[in-house]
C-alpha atoms as a PDB file:
ATOM      1  CA  MET A   1      28.682 -43.793 -19.459  1.00  0.00           C
ATOM      2  CA  ASN A   2      31.997 -43.582 -17.723  1.00  0.00           C
ATOM      3  CA  GLU A   3      33.968 -40.561 -18.663  1.00  0.00           C
ATOM      4  CA  LEU A   4      37.275 -42.496 -18.716  1.00  0.00           C
ATOM      5  CA  SER A   5      36.128 -45.268 -21.062  1.00  0.00           C
ATOM      6  CA  ASN A   6      37.162 -44.978 -24.743  1.00  0.00           C
ATOM      7  CA  GLN A   7      33.837 -44.036 -26.418  1.00  0.00           C
ATOM      8  CA  SER A   8      35.230 -44.288 -30.022  1.00  0.00           C
ATOM      9  CA  ASN A   9      36.296 -47.302 -31.656  1.00  0.00           C
ATOM     10  CA  GLU A  10      39.814 -45.904 -32.409  1.00  0.00           C
ATOM     11  CA  PRO A  11      42.549 -48.011 -30.986  1.00  0.00           C
ATOM     12  CA  VAL A  12      44.366 -46.715 -27.998  1.00  0.00           C
ATOM     13  CA  PRO A  13      47.901 -45.826 -28.772  1.00  0.00           C
ATOM     14  CA  ALA A  14      50.520 -48.037 -26.768  1.00  0.00           C
ATOM     15  CA  LYS A  15      52.550 -46.028 -24.310  1.00  0.00           C
ATOM     16  CA  THR A  16      55.976 -45.389 -25.674  1.00  0.00           C
ATOM     17  CA  SER A  17      58.673 -45.261 -23.042  1.00  0.00           C
ATOM     18  CA  GLU A  18      62.048 -43.828 -23.327  1.00  0.00           C
ATOM     19  CA  PRO A  19      64.926 -46.324 -23.516  1.00  0.00           C
ATOM     20  CA  ALA A  20      66.559 -46.671 -20.158  1.00  0.00           C
ATOM     21  CA  LYS A  21      69.797 -44.887 -19.539  1.00  0.00           C
ATOM     22  CA  GLY A  22      70.119 -44.640 -15.770  1.00  0.00           C
ATOM     23  CA  MET A  23      73.072 -47.055 -15.517  1.00  0.00           C
ATOM     24  CA  ALA A  24      74.783 -45.036 -18.158  1.00  0.00           C
ATOM     25  CA  ILE A  25      74.368 -41.878 -16.203  1.00  0.00           C
ATOM     26  CA  ALA A  26      75.531 -43.350 -13.065  1.00  0.00           C
ATOM     27  CA  SER A  27      78.533 -44.795 -14.648  1.00  0.00           C
ATOM     28  CA  MET A  28      79.426 -41.415 -16.017  1.00  0.00           C
ATOM     29  CA  VAL A  29      78.761 -39.585 -12.725  1.00  0.00           C
ATOM     30  CA  CYS A  30      80.665 -42.066 -10.741  1.00  0.00           C
ATOM     31  CA  GLY A  31      83.663 -41.789 -13.158  1.00  0.00           C
ATOM     32  CA  ILE A  32      83.650 -37.933 -13.073  1.00  0.00           C
ATOM     33  CA  CYS A  33      83.352 -38.019  -9.320  1.00  0.00           C
ATOM     34  CA  SER A  34      86.270 -40.444  -9.084  1.00  0.00           C
ATOM     35  CA  LEU A  35      88.466 -38.015 -11.030  1.00  0.00           C
ATOM     36  CA  VAL A  36      87.233 -34.835  -9.168  1.00  0.00           C
ATOM     37  CA  LEU A  37      87.429 -36.473  -5.641  1.00  0.00           C
ATOM     38  CA  PHE A  38      91.077 -37.872  -6.235  1.00  0.00           C
ATOM     39  CA  PHE A  39      92.063 -36.531  -2.711  1.00  0.00           C
ATOM     40  CA  ILE A  40      89.696 -38.808  -0.833  1.00  0.00           C
ATOM     41  CA  PRO A  41      91.577 -41.929  -0.291  1.00  0.00           C
ATOM     42  CA  PHE A  42      89.338 -44.932  -0.880  1.00  0.00           C
ATOM     43  CA  ALA A  43      86.087 -43.402  -2.019  1.00  0.00           C
ATOM     44  CA  ASN A  44      87.630 -42.481  -5.318  1.00  0.00           C
ATOM     45  CA  ILE A  45      88.731 -46.045  -6.049  1.00  0.00           C
ATOM     46  CA  VAL A  46      85.445 -47.355  -5.189  1.00  0.00           C
ATOM     47  CA  LEU A  47      83.672 -44.852  -7.443  1.00  0.00           C
ATOM     48  CA  ALA A  48      86.004 -45.708 -10.301  1.00  0.00           C
ATOM     49  CA  ILE A  49      85.336 -49.401 -10.011  1.00  0.00           C
ATOM     50  CA  VAL A  50      81.483 -48.833  -9.702  1.00  0.00           C
ATOM     51  CA  ALA A  51      81.801 -46.544 -12.868  1.00  0.00           C
ATOM     52  CA  VAL A  52      83.603 -49.316 -14.876  1.00  0.00           C
ATOM     53  CA  ALA A  53      81.199 -51.955 -13.576  1.00  0.00           C
ATOM     54  CA  LEU A  54      77.968 -50.062 -14.489  1.00  0.00           C
ATOM     55  CA  GLY A  55      79.522 -49.007 -17.726  1.00  0.00           C
ATOM     56  CA  HIS A  56      80.218 -52.482 -18.861  1.00  0.00           C
ATOM     57  CA  ILE A  57      76.648 -53.719 -17.585  1.00  0.00           C
ATOM     58  CA  HIS A  58      74.924 -51.061 -19.613  1.00  0.00           C
ATOM     59  CA  LEU A  59      76.837 -51.779 -22.634  1.00  0.00           C
ATOM     60  CA  SER A  60      76.068 -55.482 -22.286  1.00  0.00           C
ATOM     61  CA  ASN A  61      72.421 -54.680 -21.937  1.00  0.00           C
ATOM     62  CA  MET A  62      72.413 -52.389 -24.990  1.00  0.00           C
ATOM     63  CA  LYS A  63      73.800 -55.353 -26.874  1.00  0.00           C
ATOM     64  CA  LYS A  64      71.157 -57.767 -25.730  1.00  0.00           C
ATOM     65  CA  PHE A  65      68.211 -55.326 -25.881  1.00  0.00           C
ATOM     66  CA  PRO A  66      68.971 -52.471 -28.156  1.00  0.00           C
ATOM     67  CA  ASP A  67      65.381 -51.150 -28.188  1.00  0.00           C
ATOM     68  CA  MET A  68      65.156 -50.941 -24.355  1.00  0.00           C
ATOM     69  CA  TYR A  69      68.505 -49.219 -23.487  1.00  0.00           C
ATOM     70  CA  ASP A  70      70.174 -46.041 -24.700  1.00  0.00           C
ATOM     71  CA  GLY A  71      73.113 -43.762 -23.650  1.00  0.00           C
ATOM     72  CA  ARG A  72      76.111 -45.433 -25.169  1.00  0.00           C
ATOM     73  CA  GLY A  73      78.228 -42.252 -25.046  1.00  0.00           C
ATOM     74  CA  MET A  74      77.521 -41.798 -21.371  1.00  0.00           C
ATOM     75  CA  ALA A  75      78.360 -45.503 -20.626  1.00  0.00           C
ATOM     76  CA  VAL A  76      81.571 -45.090 -22.715  1.00  0.00           C
ATOM     77  CA  ALA A  77      82.472 -41.921 -20.745  1.00  0.00           C
ATOM     78  CA  GLY A  78      81.905 -43.644 -17.375  1.00  0.00           C
ATOM     79  CA  LEU A  79      84.177 -46.463 -18.527  1.00  0.00           C
ATOM     80  CA  ALA A  80      86.789 -44.133 -19.910  1.00  0.00           C
ATOM     81  CA  THR A  81      86.896 -42.019 -16.637  1.00  0.00           C
ATOM     82  CA  GLY A  82      86.918 -45.009 -14.509  1.00  0.00           C
ATOM     83  CA  TYR A  83      89.778 -46.757 -16.455  1.00  0.00           C
ATOM     84  CA  VAL A  84      91.762 -43.410 -16.553  1.00  0.00           C
ATOM     85  CA  PHE A  85      91.544 -42.977 -12.762  1.00  0.00           C
ATOM     86  CA  LEU A  86      92.380 -46.773 -12.049  1.00  0.00           C
ATOM     87  CA  GLY A  87      95.336 -46.324 -14.384  1.00  0.00           C
ATOM     88  CA  PHE A  88      96.528 -43.267 -12.592  1.00  0.00           C
ATOM     89  CA  THR A  89      96.024 -45.034  -9.258  1.00  0.00           C
ATOM     90  CA  ILE A  90      98.146 -48.075 -10.206  1.00  0.00           C
ATOM     91  CA  LEU A  91     100.789 -45.872 -11.826  1.00  0.00           C
ATOM     92  CA  GLY A  92     100.999 -43.836  -8.702  1.00  0.00           C
ATOM     93  CA  PHE A  93     101.273 -47.013  -6.491  1.00  0.00           C
ATOM     94  CA  ILE A  94     104.055 -48.282  -8.838  1.00  0.00           C
ATOM     95  CA  ILE A  95     106.014 -44.988  -8.590  1.00  0.00           C
ATOM     96  CA  LEU A  96     105.537 -44.978  -4.664  1.00  0.00           C
ATOM     97  CA  LEU A  97     106.915 -48.403  -4.437  1.00  0.00           C
ATOM     98  CA  ALA A  98     109.942 -47.493  -6.729  1.00  0.00           C
ATOM     99  CA  THR A  99     110.610 -44.374  -4.793  1.00  0.00           C
ATOM    100  CA  GLY A 100     110.380 -46.292  -1.378  1.00  0.00           C
ATOM    101  CA  SER A 101     112.643 -49.022  -2.706  1.00  0.00           C
ATOM    102  CA  ALA A 102     115.237 -46.568  -4.042  1.00  0.00           C
ATOM    103  CA  ILE A 103     115.225 -44.750  -0.642  1.00  0.00           C
ATOM    104  CA  LEU A 104     115.450 -47.915   1.389  1.00  0.00           C
ATOM    105  CA  GLY A 105     118.166 -49.036  -0.901  1.00  0.00           C
ATOM    106  CA  SER A 106     120.382 -46.115  -0.413  1.00  0.00           C
ATOM    107  CA  LEU A 107     120.422 -46.375   3.337  1.00  0.00           C
END
């Protein structure tokens, strides 16, 4: 007989796979990189947007298929870091515009 065949009549256990958390990890890594690489002009904004998008997609997938997806904490961390960086970017842009307006107004 073939060595690979199941010679006993016991049922073969189904493969149990771990829940997917790849998008959650990617969201968290992109969010952290956007904060760490704040001195690179447009790459950090792109990373923050990707972090927010992947975090939302992963949380949505977790709601639809709770058995297939895991990593809620990492997805939330990616969302938080992405939104924090985007908030700082918008705040910095507003301050830049206000400062420029005040300087030009005094001339």
